[in-house]
Protein backbone atom coordinates (compact mmCIF):
# COMPACT_ATOMS: atom_id res chain seq x y z
CA MET A 1 -88.65 -48.81 20.13
CA LYS A 2 -85.04 -49.70 20.93
CA THR A 3 -84.40 -50.83 17.36
CA MET A 4 -85.83 -47.61 15.97
CA LEU A 5 -83.66 -45.57 18.35
CA ALA A 6 -80.61 -47.64 17.42
CA SER A 7 -81.28 -47.15 13.69
CA PHE A 8 -81.57 -43.35 14.15
CA LEU A 9 -78.35 -43.33 16.15
CA ALA A 10 -76.51 -45.43 13.54
CA PHE A 11 -77.82 -43.31 10.68
CA GLY A 12 -76.82 -40.13 12.51
CA LEU A 13 -73.29 -41.39 13.14
CA LEU A 14 -72.74 -42.85 9.68
CA GLY A 15 -74.78 -40.35 7.67
CA GLY A 16 -73.19 -37.35 9.31
CA THR A 17 -69.80 -38.09 7.79
CA ALA A 18 -71.22 -37.90 4.27
CA LEU A 19 -72.72 -34.48 5.00
CA ALA A 20 -69.60 -33.02 6.58
CA GLN A 21 -68.44 -29.69 5.18
CA GLU A 22 -65.12 -29.21 3.46
CA PRO A 23 -62.38 -27.84 5.72
CA LYS A 24 -62.00 -24.07 5.70
CA ILE A 25 -58.73 -22.81 4.26
CA GLU A 26 -57.11 -20.04 6.27
CA ASN A 27 -54.06 -17.94 5.49
CA ALA A 28 -53.70 -19.19 1.92
CA VAL A 29 -50.63 -17.99 0.02
CA VAL A 30 -50.43 -17.91 -3.77
CA SER A 31 -47.16 -17.55 -5.62
CA THR A 32 -47.00 -16.29 -9.20
CA PRO A 33 -44.21 -15.69 -11.71
CA SER A 34 -42.73 -12.18 -11.57
CA ASN A 35 -44.29 -11.09 -14.89
CA GLU A 36 -47.88 -11.75 -13.71
CA LYS A 37 -49.92 -9.64 -11.33
CA PRO A 38 -50.00 -11.37 -7.92
CA GLN A 39 -53.36 -12.60 -6.68
CA VAL A 40 -54.78 -11.41 -3.39
CA THR A 41 -54.46 -14.02 -0.68
CA GLN A 42 -57.28 -15.03 1.60
CA ALA A 43 -55.41 -13.64 4.61
CA ALA A 44 -55.02 -10.25 2.92
CA GLU A 45 -58.72 -10.14 2.03
CA GLN A 46 -59.66 -10.94 5.62
CA LYS A 47 -57.36 -8.22 6.99
CA ASN A 48 -58.76 -5.68 4.51
CA SER A 49 -62.38 -6.55 5.34
CA GLU A 50 -61.71 -6.14 9.07
CA THR A 51 -60.34 -2.61 8.67
CA CYS A 52 -62.70 -1.57 5.87
CA ASN A 53 -66.03 0.19 6.36
CA ARG A 54 -67.99 -1.20 3.39
CA VAL A 55 -70.26 1.23 1.57
CA TRP A 56 -72.50 1.05 -1.51
CA VAL A 57 -71.37 3.40 -4.27
CA ASN A 58 -73.96 4.48 -6.84
CA THR A 59 -71.83 4.51 -9.97
CA SER A 60 -74.28 6.74 -11.85
CA THR A 61 -74.43 9.61 -9.34
CA HIS A 62 -71.07 9.03 -7.58
CA VAL A 63 -72.74 9.07 -4.16
CA TYR A 64 -71.94 6.42 -1.55
CA HIS A 65 -74.28 5.09 1.12
CA VAL A 66 -73.26 3.59 4.46
CA GLN A 67 -74.71 0.40 5.89
CA GLY A 68 -78.11 1.01 7.48
CA SER A 69 -79.04 3.89 5.19
CA PHE A 70 -82.08 3.68 2.92
CA TRP A 71 -80.17 3.38 -0.38
CA TYR A 72 -77.45 0.95 0.85
CA GLY A 73 -77.29 -1.76 -1.84
CA ALA A 74 -80.59 -0.59 -3.36
CA THR A 75 -79.69 1.54 -6.38
CA ALA A 76 -79.79 0.14 -9.90
CA HIS A 77 -76.14 0.87 -10.67
CA GLY A 78 -73.52 0.42 -7.99
CA THR A 79 -70.83 -1.57 -6.28
CA TYR A 80 -69.54 -2.28 -2.77
CA MET A 81 -66.17 -0.84 -1.73
CA CYS A 82 -64.34 0.58 1.26
CA GLU A 83 -65.39 4.05 2.39
CA ASP A 84 -61.81 5.35 2.08
CA GLU A 85 -61.58 4.04 -1.48
CA ALA A 86 -64.96 5.60 -2.32
CA ARG A 87 -63.80 9.01 -1.06
CA ARG A 88 -60.45 8.75 -2.89
CA SER A 89 -62.24 8.05 -6.17
CA GLY A 90 -64.29 11.27 -5.83
CA ASN A 91 -67.61 9.95 -4.50
CA THR A 92 -69.55 11.92 -1.88
CA ARG A 93 -71.50 10.60 1.09
CA GLY A 94 -75.28 10.38 0.72
CA GLN A 95 -77.58 12.30 3.05
CA PHE A 96 -79.92 9.40 3.93
C-alpha cells in the first residue's frame, strides 16, 4: 500500500510538470513599421471587452440581439460586436 501511494505521489509530482499550461501573456505590445496598420494589442482588446456590451448582429436584417435574448447568437447570418458599434452602423435592437 505504501509503495502504491508513493508511486502515485511521484507520478503526480513528476507528471504534473509535463502537463503544465503555457504562461499567459498579459499587456503584450506589438510594434510595426509606420507604413503598416498597427495590430491591436492584447491589453487594448481586454480594455475594449471590459467596456463593451457584446451583442449579436443579424447581418441580413440589421437587427441586433442582447445577451440572454432568444436570438442571441442563433441566427444564420450574423456577427458579434459592441452594442455602440452596432447602433453606429445602423442596426436596430431586437424586440425579444
